[in-house]
Amino acid sequence: MEDRYNTSEARSDAGRFGRWLATRPAESWMFFVVGIFFGGLFF
């Protein structure tokens, strides 16, 4: 799992995602995180 995040691709993806999050209101990314959390619990 950790090796995947050491690649330049993962860092660039995280950078784009970070910039995208910066343009969204807090409610949007909190809702997204909650969705991922419950998705992880049930799937």
N, C-alpha and C. Protein backbone atom coordinates (compact mmCIF):
# COMPACT_ATOMS: atom_id res chain seq x y z
N MET A 1 0.84 -1.20 0.00
CA MET A 1 0.00 0.00 0.00
C MET A 1 0.87 1.25 0.00
N GLU A 2 1.89 1.27 0.85
CA GLU A 2 2.75 2.45 0.96
C GLU A 2 3.54 2.70 -0.32
N ASP A 3 3.95 1.61 -0.99
CA ASP A 3 4.74 1.75 -2.21
C ASP A 3 3.97 2.54 -3.27
N ARG A 4 2.67 2.35 -3.32
CA ARG A 4 1.87 3.03 -4.33
C ARG A 4 1.95 4.55 -4.16
N TYR A 5 2.01 4.99 -2.93
CA TYR A 5 2.03 6.43 -2.66
C TYR A 5 3.42 7.03 -2.83
N ASN A 6 4.43 6.18 -3.03
CA ASN A 6 5.78 6.69 -3.24
C ASN A 6 6.05 6.98 -4.71
N THR A 7 5.11 6.65 -5.59
CA THR A 7 5.30 6.89 -7.01
C THR A 7 4.96 8.33 -7.35
N SER A 8 5.57 8.85 -8.41
CA SER A 8 5.30 10.22 -8.83
C SER A 8 3.86 10.36 -9.31
N GLU A 9 3.29 9.29 -9.89
CA GLU A 9 1.91 9.34 -10.34
C GLU A 9 0.96 9.59 -9.18
N ALA A 10 1.17 8.89 -8.08
CA ALA A 10 0.30 9.05 -6.92
C ALA A 10 0.41 10.48 -6.38
N ARG A 11 1.63 11.01 -6.36
CA ARG A 11 1.81 12.38 -5.85
C ARG A 11 1.12 13.38 -6.76
N SER A 12 1.21 13.22 -8.08
CA SER A 12 0.58 14.16 -8.99
C SER A 12 -0.95 14.07 -8.88
N ASP A 13 -1.46 12.84 -8.74
CA ASP A 13 -2.89 12.66 -8.56
C ASP A 13 -3.36 13.33 -7.27
N ALA A 14 -2.60 13.16 -6.21
CA ALA A 14 -2.94 13.77 -4.93
C ALA A 14 -2.90 15.29 -5.05
N GLY A 15 -1.95 15.80 -5.82
CA GLY A 15 -1.84 17.24 -6.02
C GLY A 15 -3.06 17.80 -6.74
N ARG A 16 -3.48 17.10 -7.80
CA ARG A 16 -4.67 17.55 -8.53
C ARG A 16 -5.90 17.46 -7.65
N PHE A 17 -6.00 16.37 -6.89
CA PHE A 17 -7.14 16.19 -5.99
C PHE A 17 -7.15 17.27 -4.91
N GLY A 18 -5.96 17.59 -4.40
CA GLY A 18 -5.84 18.64 -3.38
C GLY A 18 -6.29 19.99 -3.91
N ARG A 19 -5.88 20.30 -5.15
CA ARG A 19 -6.29 21.57 -5.75
C ARG A 19 -7.80 21.58 -5.99
N TRP A 20 -8.35 20.43 -6.40
CA TRP A 20 -9.79 20.33 -6.61
C TRP A 20 -10.53 20.55 -5.30
N LEU A 21 -10.04 19.93 -4.22
CA LEU A 21 -10.68 20.10 -2.91
C LEU A 21 -10.64 21.56 -2.47
N ALA A 22 -9.57 22.25 -2.83
CA ALA A 22 -9.42 23.64 -2.41
C ALA A 22 -10.51 24.52 -3.03
N THR A 23 -11.09 24.09 -4.15
CA THR A 23 -12.13 24.88 -4.80
C THR A 23 -13.52 24.50 -4.31
N ARG A 24 -13.61 23.44 -3.50
CA ARG A 24 -14.91 22.99 -3.02
C ARG A 24 -15.16 23.51 -1.60
N PRO A 25 -16.42 23.76 -1.26
CA PRO A 25 -16.75 24.13 0.12
C PRO A 25 -16.52 22.97 1.07
N ALA A 26 -16.32 23.27 2.34
CA ALA A 26 -15.99 22.24 3.33
C ALA A 26 -17.06 21.15 3.37
N GLU A 27 -18.33 21.53 3.23
CA GLU A 27 -19.41 20.55 3.30
C GLU A 27 -19.26 19.48 2.23
N SER A 28 -18.79 19.89 1.04
CA SER A 28 -18.68 18.94 -0.07
C SER A 28 -17.67 17.85 0.22
N TRP A 29 -16.46 18.24 0.68
CA TRP A 29 -15.45 17.20 0.89
C TRP A 29 -15.69 16.42 2.18
N MET A 30 -16.35 17.04 3.17
CA MET A 30 -16.72 16.27 4.36
C MET A 30 -17.74 15.19 3.99
N PHE A 31 -18.72 15.55 3.16
CA PHE A 31 -19.72 14.58 2.71
C PHE A 31 -19.05 13.46 1.93
N PHE A 32 -18.07 13.81 1.10
CA PHE A 32 -17.32 12.82 0.32
C PHE A 32 -16.56 11.86 1.23
N VAL A 33 -15.89 12.42 2.25
CA VAL A 33 -15.14 11.59 3.19
C VAL A 33 -16.08 10.65 3.95
N VAL A 34 -17.23 11.15 4.36
CA VAL A 34 -18.21 10.31 5.06
C VAL A 34 -18.69 9.19 4.13
N GLY A 35 -18.89 9.50 2.85
CA GLY A 35 -19.30 8.48 1.89
C GLY A 35 -18.25 7.39 1.75
N ILE A 36 -16.98 7.78 1.67
CA ILE A 36 -15.89 6.81 1.58
C ILE A 36 -15.83 5.97 2.86
N PHE A 37 -16.02 6.62 4.01
CA PHE A 37 -15.97 5.93 5.29
C PHE A 37 -17.04 4.85 5.38
N PHE A 38 -18.29 5.21 5.07
CA PHE A 38 -19.37 4.23 5.13
C PHE A 38 -19.23 3.20 4.02
N GLY A 39 -18.72 3.60 2.86
CA GLY A 39 -18.46 2.64 1.80
C GLY A 39 -17.46 1.59 2.26
N GLY A 40 -16.44 2.02 2.99
CA GLY A 40 -15.44 1.09 3.51
C GLY A 40 -16.03 0.15 4.55
N LEU A 41 -16.97 0.66 5.34
CA LEU A 41 -17.59 -0.18 6.37
C LEU A 41 -18.46 -1.28 5.76
N PHE A 42 -19.26 -0.92 4.76
CA PHE A 42 -20.26 -1.85 4.24
C PHE A 42 -19.77 -2.64 3.04
N PHE A 43 -18.68 -2.19 2.41
CA PHE A 43 -18.12 -2.93 1.28
C PHE A 43 -16.66 -3.23 1.55
